[in-house]
């Protein structure tokens, strides 16, 4: 019995030494490193495949979105062009002509009479006086206020429709943008010269 136990202890001790020697051996360490490297590489390879797949799917979705945006942009441009054509076709020639013969005056004092007829007559007289100040060659054919009467007492805009185009009415043969600046200047001069005394 005693001999058997001694043999077992000796055998265990020998096995432990062999295992320790094996664990410390370069060959075992290299095998362990190789196994770990292969396992990690396999995991990373799977991750790379999944990542590449996700990126490809995202790129496909981005291309689809870009194509959709481009398509919608073309549709929007087409709709805008159609609306512009319809608007141009619907424009009344009479309205276009009136715009070329119209001025909107700012700051012309407004009569406080209760009678609408008297207020209208006062506006017409005011415009005639203003036209005298700038030597206008074309008389107004229509004069009316724009919008509702203001509670703060300030005068509303005054729409003046002339009997001829602006460049003829004010003796200026020029393009419309320059003429508009010229007419505005003239009206500011009207207010400066005639002032609030027009309604007095």
C-alpha atoms as a PDB file:
ATOM      1  CA  UNK A   1       0.000   0.000   0.000  1.00  0.00           C
ATOM      2  CA  UNK A   2       2.728   2.365   1.039  1.00  0.00           C
ATOM      3  CA  UNK A   3       4.672   1.664  -2.116  1.00  0.00           C
ATOM      4  CA  UNK A   4       1.605   2.320  -4.263  1.00  0.00           C
ATOM      5  CA  UNK A   5       1.064   5.717  -2.652  1.00  0.00           C
ATOM      6  CA  UNK A   6       4.690   6.638  -3.188  1.00  0.00           C
ATOM      7  CA  UNK A   7       4.394   5.644  -6.832  1.00  0.00           C
ATOM      8  CA  UNK A   8       1.240   7.821  -7.251  1.00  0.00           C
ATOM      9  CA  UNK A   9       2.966  10.844  -5.702  1.00  0.00           C
ATOM     10  CA  UNK A  10       6.004  10.322  -7.875  1.00  0.00           C
ATOM     11  CA  UNK A  11       3.796   9.969 -10.967  1.00  0.00           C
ATOM     12  CA  UNK A  12       1.826  13.139 -10.155  1.00  0.00           C
ATOM     13  CA  UNK A  13       4.994  15.091  -9.503  1.00  0.00           C
ATOM     14  CA  UNK A  14       6.428  13.924 -12.795  1.00  0.00           C
ATOM     15  CA  UNK A  15       3.222  14.858 -14.658  1.00  0.00           C
ATOM     16  CA  UNK A  16       3.194  18.315 -13.080  1.00  0.00           C
ATOM     17  CA  UNK A  17       6.773  18.913 -14.100  1.00  0.00           C
ATOM     18  CA  UNK A  18       6.045  17.715 -17.615  1.00  0.00           C
ATOM     19  CA  UNK A  19       3.009  20.041 -17.837  1.00  0.00           C
ATOM     20  CA  UNK A  20       4.992  23.000 -16.535  1.00  0.00           C
ATOM     21  CA  UNK A  21       7.774  22.265 -18.982  1.00  0.00           C
ATOM     22  CA  UNK A  22       5.233  22.043 -21.811  1.00  0.00           C
ATOM     23  CA  UNK A  23       3.558  25.325 -20.827  1.00  0.00           C
ATOM     24  CA  UNK A  24       6.917  27.067 -20.803  1.00  0.00           C
ATOM     25  CA  UNK A  25       8.043  25.625 -24.104  1.00  0.00           C
ATOM     26  CA  UNK A  26       8.335  27.925 -27.112  1.00  0.00           C
ATOM     27  CA  UNK A  27       6.445  25.476 -29.306  1.00  0.00           C
ATOM     28  CA  UNK A  28       3.403  25.494 -26.995  1.00  0.00           C
ATOM     29  CA  UNK A  29       3.412  29.284 -26.729  1.00  0.00           C
ATOM     30  CA  UNK A  30       3.606  29.601 -30.493  1.00  0.00           C
ATOM     31  CA  UNK A  31       0.708  27.175 -30.913  1.00  0.00           C
ATOM     32  CA  UNK A  32      -1.331  29.126 -28.348  1.00  0.00           C
ATOM     33  CA  UNK A  33      -0.597  32.435 -30.038  1.00  0.00           C
ATOM     34  CA  UNK A  34      -1.464  30.961 -33.408  1.00  0.00           C
ATOM     35  CA  UNK A  35      -4.784  29.627 -32.112  1.00  0.00           C
ATOM     36  CA  UNK A  36      -5.688  32.972 -30.515  1.00  0.00           C
ATOM     37  CA  UNK A  37      -4.668  34.857 -33.653  1.00  0.00           C
ATOM     38  CA  UNK A  38      -6.808  32.596 -35.833  1.00  0.00           C
ATOM     39  CA  UNK A  39      -9.809  32.973 -33.518  1.00  0.00           C
ATOM     40  CA  UNK A  40      -9.496  36.756 -33.408  1.00  0.00           C
ATOM     41  CA  UNK A  41      -8.972  36.906 -37.182  1.00  0.00           C
ATOM     42  CA  UNK A  42     -12.101  34.835 -37.732  1.00  0.00           C
ATOM     43  CA  UNK A  43     -14.139  37.201 -35.531  1.00  0.00           C
ATOM     44  CA  UNK A  44     -12.686  40.297 -37.213  1.00  0.00           C
ATOM     45  CA  UNK A  45     -13.268  38.840 -40.658  1.00  0.00           C
ATOM     46  CA  UNK A  46     -16.922  38.297 -39.826  1.00  0.00           C
ATOM     47  CA  UNK A  47     -17.142  41.846 -38.480  1.00  0.00           C
ATOM     48  CA  UNK A  48     -15.488  43.217 -41.633  1.00  0.00           C
ATOM     49  CA  UNK A  49     -17.939  41.321 -43.828  1.00  0.00           C
ATOM     50  CA  UNK A  50     -20.923  42.645 -41.860  1.00  0.00           C
ATOM     51  CA  UNK A  51     -19.509  46.184 -41.875  1.00  0.00           C
ATOM     52  CA  UNK A  52     -18.861  46.073 -45.623  1.00  0.00           C
ATOM     53  CA  UNK A  53     -22.380  44.802 -46.197  1.00  0.00           C
ATOM     54  CA  UNK A  54     -23.839  47.622 -44.075  1.00  0.00           C
ATOM     55  CA  UNK A  55     -21.771  50.238 -45.921  1.00  0.00           C
ATOM     56  CA  UNK A  56     -22.899  48.895 -49.293  1.00  0.00           C
ATOM     57  CA  UNK A  57     -26.537  49.001 -48.178  1.00  0.00           C
ATOM     58  CA  UNK A  58     -26.109  52.584 -46.932  1.00  0.00           C
ATOM     59  CA  UNK A  59     -24.491  53.610 -50.225  1.00  0.00           C
ATOM     60  CA  UNK A  60     -27.392  52.078 -52.132  1.00  0.00           C
ATOM     61  CA  UNK A  61     -29.907  53.960 -49.977  1.00  0.00           C
ATOM     62  CA  UNK A  62     -27.952  57.202 -50.439  1.00  0.00           C
ATOM     63  CA  UNK A  63     -27.980  56.782 -54.216  1.00  0.00           C
ATOM     64  CA  UNK A  64     -31.707  56.103 -54.124  1.00  0.00           C
ATOM     65  CA  UNK A  65     -32.266  59.237 -52.028  1.00  0.00           C
ATOM     66  CA  UNK A  66     -30.107  61.352 -54.346  1.00  0.00           C
ATOM     67  CA  UNK A  67     -32.050  60.104 -57.351  1.00  0.00           C
ATOM     68  CA  UNK A  68     -35.332  60.838 -55.566  1.00  0.00           C
ATOM     69  CA  UNK A  69     -34.199  64.358 -54.646  1.00  0.00           C
ATOM     70  CA  UNK A  70     -33.065  65.011 -58.222  1.00  0.00           C
ATOM     71  CA  UNK A  71     -36.396  63.726 -59.538  1.00  0.00           C
ATOM     72  CA  UNK A  72     -38.368  65.892 -57.094  1.00  0.00           C
ATOM     73  CA  UNK A  73     -36.216  68.902 -58.008  1.00  0.00           C
ATOM     74  CA  UNK A  74     -37.009  68.403 -61.685  1.00  0.00           C
ATOM     75  CA  UNK A  75     -40.706  68.062 -60.882  1.00  0.00           C
ATOM     76  CA  UNK A  76     -40.599  71.247 -58.812  1.00  0.00           C
ATOM     77  CA  UNK A  77     -38.864  73.145 -61.604  1.00  0.00           C
ATOM     78  CA  UNK A  78     -41.437  71.820 -64.060  1.00  0.00           C
ATOM     79  CA  UNK A  79     -44.329  72.879 -61.810  1.00  0.00           C
ATOM     80  CA  UNK A  80     -42.806  76.339 -61.290  1.00  0.00           C
ATOM     81  CA  UNK A  81     -42.319  76.758 -65.040  1.00  0.00           C
ATOM     82  CA  UNK A  82     -45.913  75.670 -65.681  1.00  0.00           C
ATOM     83  CA  UNK A  83     -47.248  78.048 -63.017  1.00  0.00           C
ATOM     84  CA  UNK A  84     -45.234  80.886 -64.527  1.00  0.00           C
ATOM     85  CA  UNK A  85     -46.628  80.145 -67.987  1.00  0.00           C
ATOM     86  CA  UNK A  86     -50.186  79.960 -66.644  1.00  0.00           C
ATOM     87  CA  UNK A  87     -49.716  83.216 -64.749  1.00  0.00           C
ATOM     88  CA  UNK A  88     -48.371  84.959 -67.826  1.00  0.00           C
ATOM     89  CA  UNK A  89     -51.257  83.647 -69.906  1.00  0.00           C
ATOM     90  CA  UNK A  90     -53.827  84.737 -67.315  1.00  0.00           C
ATOM     91  CA  UNK A  91     -52.490  88.272 -66.996  1.00  0.00           C
ATOM     92  CA  UNK A  92     -55.046  90.716 -68.261  1.00  0.00           C
ATOM     93  CA  UNK A  93     -53.570  93.074 -70.888  1.00  0.00           C
ATOM     94  CA  UNK A  94     -55.652  95.858 -69.358  1.00  0.00           C
ATOM     95  CA  UNK A  95     -54.033  95.257 -65.952  1.00  0.00           C
ATOM     96  CA  UNK A  96     -50.578  95.266 -67.507  1.00  0.00           C
ATOM     97  CA  UNK A  97     -51.369  98.514 -69.279  1.00  0.00           C
ATOM     98  CA  UNK A  98     -52.677 100.046 -66.044  1.00  0.00           C
ATOM     99  CA  UNK A  99     -49.490  99.109 -64.194  1.00  0.00           C
ATOM    100  CA  UNK A 100     -47.487 101.003 -66.795  1.00  0.00           C
ATOM    101  CA  UNK A 101     -49.716 104.020 -66.255  1.00  0.00           C
ATOM    102  CA  UNK A 102     -49.913 103.851 -62.456  1.00  0.00           C
ATOM    103  CA  UNK A 103     -48.110 105.423 -59.535  1.00  0.00           C
ATOM    104  CA  UNK A 104     -48.548 104.732 -55.834  1.00  0.00           C
ATOM    105  CA  UNK A 105     -47.933 107.908 -53.850  1.00  0.00           C
ATOM    106  CA  UNK A 106     -46.757 107.731 -50.246  1.00  0.00           C
ATOM    107  CA  UNK A 107     -47.501 110.271 -47.539  1.00  0.00           C
ATOM    108  CA  UNK A 108     -50.124 112.353 -49.362  1.00  0.00           C
ATOM    109  CA  UNK A 109     -52.339 113.764 -46.566  1.00  0.00           C
ATOM    110  CA  UNK A 110     -55.796 112.182 -46.380  1.00  0.00           C
ATOM    111  CA  UNK A 111     -58.981 114.177 -45.840  1.00  0.00           C
ATOM    112  CA  UNK A 112     -60.939 113.519 -42.646  1.00  0.00           C
ATOM    113  CA  UNK A 113     -64.334 114.415 -44.143  1.00  0.00           C
ATOM    114  CA  UNK A 114     -67.159 112.006 -43.332  1.00  0.00           C
ATOM    115  CA  UNK A 115     -68.417 112.026 -46.913  1.00  0.00           C
ATOM    116  CA  UNK A 116     -66.714 109.547 -49.248  1.00  0.00           C
ATOM    117  CA  UNK A 117     -67.381 111.860 -52.190  1.00  0.00           C
ATOM    118  CA  UNK A 118     -65.694 114.779 -50.435  1.00  0.00           C
ATOM    119  CA  UNK A 119     -62.692 112.618 -49.492  1.00  0.00           C
ATOM    120  CA  UNK A 120     -62.356 111.445 -53.090  1.00  0.00           C
ATOM    121  CA  UNK A 121     -62.631 115.009 -54.394  1.00  0.00           C
ATOM    122  CA  UNK A 122     -59.988 116.122 -51.889  1.00  0.00           C
ATOM    123  CA  UNK A 123     -57.618 113.383 -53.108  1.00  0.00           C
ATOM    124  CA  UNK A 124     -58.149 114.425 -56.741  1.00  0.00           C
ATOM    125  CA  UNK A 125     -57.472 118.074 -55.884  1.00  0.00           C
ATOM    126  CA  UNK A 126     -54.368 117.066 -53.932  1.00  0.00           C
ATOM    127  CA  UNK A 127     -53.033 115.093 -56.888  1.00  0.00           C
ATOM    128  CA  UNK A 128     -53.674 118.010 -59.264  1.00  0.00           C
ATOM    129  CA  UNK A 129     -51.768 120.325 -56.928  1.00  0.00           C
ATOM    130  CA  UNK A 130     -48.930 117.821 -56.647  1.00  0.00           C
ATOM    131  CA  UNK A 131     -48.761 117.434 -60.421  1.00  0.00           C
ATOM    132  CA  UNK A 132     -48.457 121.182 -60.789  1.00  0.00           C
ATOM    133  CA  UNK A 133     -45.385 121.102 -58.546  1.00  0.00           C
ATOM    134  CA  UNK A 134     -43.544 118.760 -60.912  1.00  0.00           C
ATOM    135  CA  UNK A 135     -44.944 119.985 -64.239  1.00  0.00           C
ATOM    136  CA  UNK A 136     -46.574 116.681 -65.160  1.00  0.00           C
ATOM    137  CA  UNK A 137     -47.812 116.641 -68.754  1.00  0.00           C
ATOM    138  CA  UNK A 138     -50.500 113.974 -68.328  1.00  0.00           C
ATOM    139  CA  UNK A 139     -53.536 114.406 -66.042  1.00  0.00           C
ATOM    140  CA  UNK A 140     -54.712 111.579 -63.770  1.00  0.00           C
ATOM    141  CA  UNK A 141     -57.810 109.673 -64.832  1.00  0.00           C
ATOM    142  CA  UNK A 142     -58.323 107.727 -61.589  1.00  0.00           C
ATOM    143  CA  UNK A 143     -57.285 108.454 -58.024  1.00  0.00           C
ATOM    144  CA  UNK A 144     -58.120 106.213 -55.068  1.00  0.00           C
ATOM    145  CA  UNK A 145     -56.793 105.153 -51.676  1.00  0.00           C
ATOM    146  CA  UNK A 146     -55.490 101.635 -51.063  1.00  0.00           C
ATOM    147  CA  UNK A 147     -56.708  99.598 -48.096  1.00  0.00           C
ATOM    148  CA  UNK A 148     -58.887 100.559 -45.138  1.00  0.00           C
ATOM    149  CA  UNK A 149     -58.611 103.782 -43.195  1.00  0.00           C
ATOM    150  CA  UNK A 150     -55.919 103.603 -40.545  1.00  0.00           C
ATOM    151  CA  UNK A 151     -56.727 104.041 -36.863  1.00  0.00           C
ATOM    152  CA  UNK A 152     -53.488 105.923 -36.215  1.00  0.00           C
ATOM    153  CA  UNK A 153     -54.584 108.708 -38.570  1.00  0.00           C
ATOM    154  CA  UNK A 154     -51.710 108.225 -41.012  1.00  0.00           C
ATOM    155  CA  UNK A 155     -52.602 108.595 -44.705  1.00  0.00           C
ATOM    156  CA  UNK A 156     -53.104 105.497 -46.810  1.00  0.00           C
ATOM    157  CA  UNK A 157     -51.246 104.885 -50.047  1.00  0.00           C
ATOM    158  CA  UNK A 158     -52.711 106.814 -52.965  1.00  0.00           C
ATOM    159  CA  UNK A 159     -53.052 104.999 -56.312  1.00  0.00           C
ATOM    160  CA  UNK A 160     -52.904 107.323 -59.317  1.00  0.00           C
ATOM    161  CA  UNK A 161     -53.708 106.055 -62.811  1.00  0.00           C
ATOM    162  CA  UNK A 162     -52.534 108.355 -65.600  1.00  0.00           C
ATOM    163  CA  UNK A 163     -53.948 108.873 -69.063  1.00  0.00           C
ATOM    164  CA  UNK A 164     -50.609 107.897 -70.645  1.00  0.00           C
ATOM    165  CA  UNK A 165     -47.526 105.856 -69.793  1.00  0.00           C
ATOM    166  CA  UNK A 166     -45.236 107.191 -67.060  1.00  0.00           C
ATOM    167  CA  UNK A 167     -42.432 108.356 -69.338  1.00  0.00           C
ATOM    168  CA  UNK A 168     -44.912 110.438 -71.328  1.00  0.00           C
ATOM    169  CA  UNK A 169     -46.706 111.774 -68.264  1.00  0.00           C
ATOM    170  CA  UNK A 170     -43.464 112.993 -66.704  1.00  0.00           C
ATOM    171  CA  UNK A 171     -41.539 113.852 -69.856  1.00  0.00           C
ATOM    172  CA  UNK A 172     -39.003 111.067 -69.367  1.00  0.00           C
ATOM    173  CA  UNK A 173     -38.091 108.537 -72.050  1.00  0.00           C
ATOM    174  CA  UNK A 174     -36.204 105.922 -70.066  1.00  0.00           C
ATOM    175  CA  UNK A 175     -36.319 102.287 -68.967  1.00  0.00           C
ATOM    176  CA  UNK A 176     -38.891 101.382 -66.341  1.00  0.00           C
ATOM    177  CA  UNK A 177     -36.497 100.797 -63.432  1.00  0.00           C
ATOM    178  CA  UNK A 178     -34.826 104.187 -63.845  1.00  0.00           C
ATOM    179  CA  UNK A 179     -38.174 105.817 -64.465  1.00  0.00           C
ATOM    180  CA  UNK A 180     -39.572 104.360 -61.249  1.00  0.00           C
ATOM    181  CA  UNK A 181     -36.729 105.929 -59.260  1.00  0.00           C
ATOM    182  CA  UNK A 182     -37.312 109.184 -61.103  1.00  0.00           C
ATOM    183  CA  UNK A 183     -41.043 109.206 -60.354  1.00  0.00           C
ATOM    184  CA  UNK A 184     -40.465 108.398 -56.687  1.00  0.00           C
ATOM    185  CA  UNK A 185     -37.984 111.270 -56.517  1.00  0.00           C
ATOM    186  CA  UNK A 186     -40.528 113.557 -58.136  1.00  0.00           C
ATOM    187  CA  UNK A 187     -43.183 112.594 -55.613  1.00  0.00           C
ATOM    188  CA  UNK A 188     -40.893 113.128 -52.675  1.00  0.00           C
ATOM    189  CA  UNK A 189     -40.194 116.563 -54.137  1.00  0.00           C
ATOM    190  CA  UNK A 190     -43.962 117.088 -54.379  1.00  0.00           C
ATOM    191  CA  UNK A 191     -44.377 116.411 -50.692  1.00  0.00           C
ATOM    192  CA  UNK A 192     -41.398 118.600 -49.869  1.00  0.00           C
ATOM    193  CA  UNK A 193     -42.763 121.507 -51.918  1.00  0.00           C
ATOM    194  CA  UNK A 194     -46.482 121.190 -51.248  1.00  0.00           C
ATOM    195  CA  UNK A 195     -46.403 119.342 -47.938  1.00  0.00           C
ATOM    196  CA  UNK A 196     -49.456 119.004 -45.780  1.00  0.00           C
ATOM    197  CA  UNK A 197     -50.757 122.276 -47.061  1.00  0.00           C
ATOM    198  CA  UNK A 198     -52.346 120.401 -49.959  1.00  0.00           C
ATOM    199  CA  UNK A 199     -55.296 119.431 -47.786  1.00  0.00           C
ATOM    200  CA  UNK A 200     -55.481 122.716 -45.859  1.00  0.00           C
END
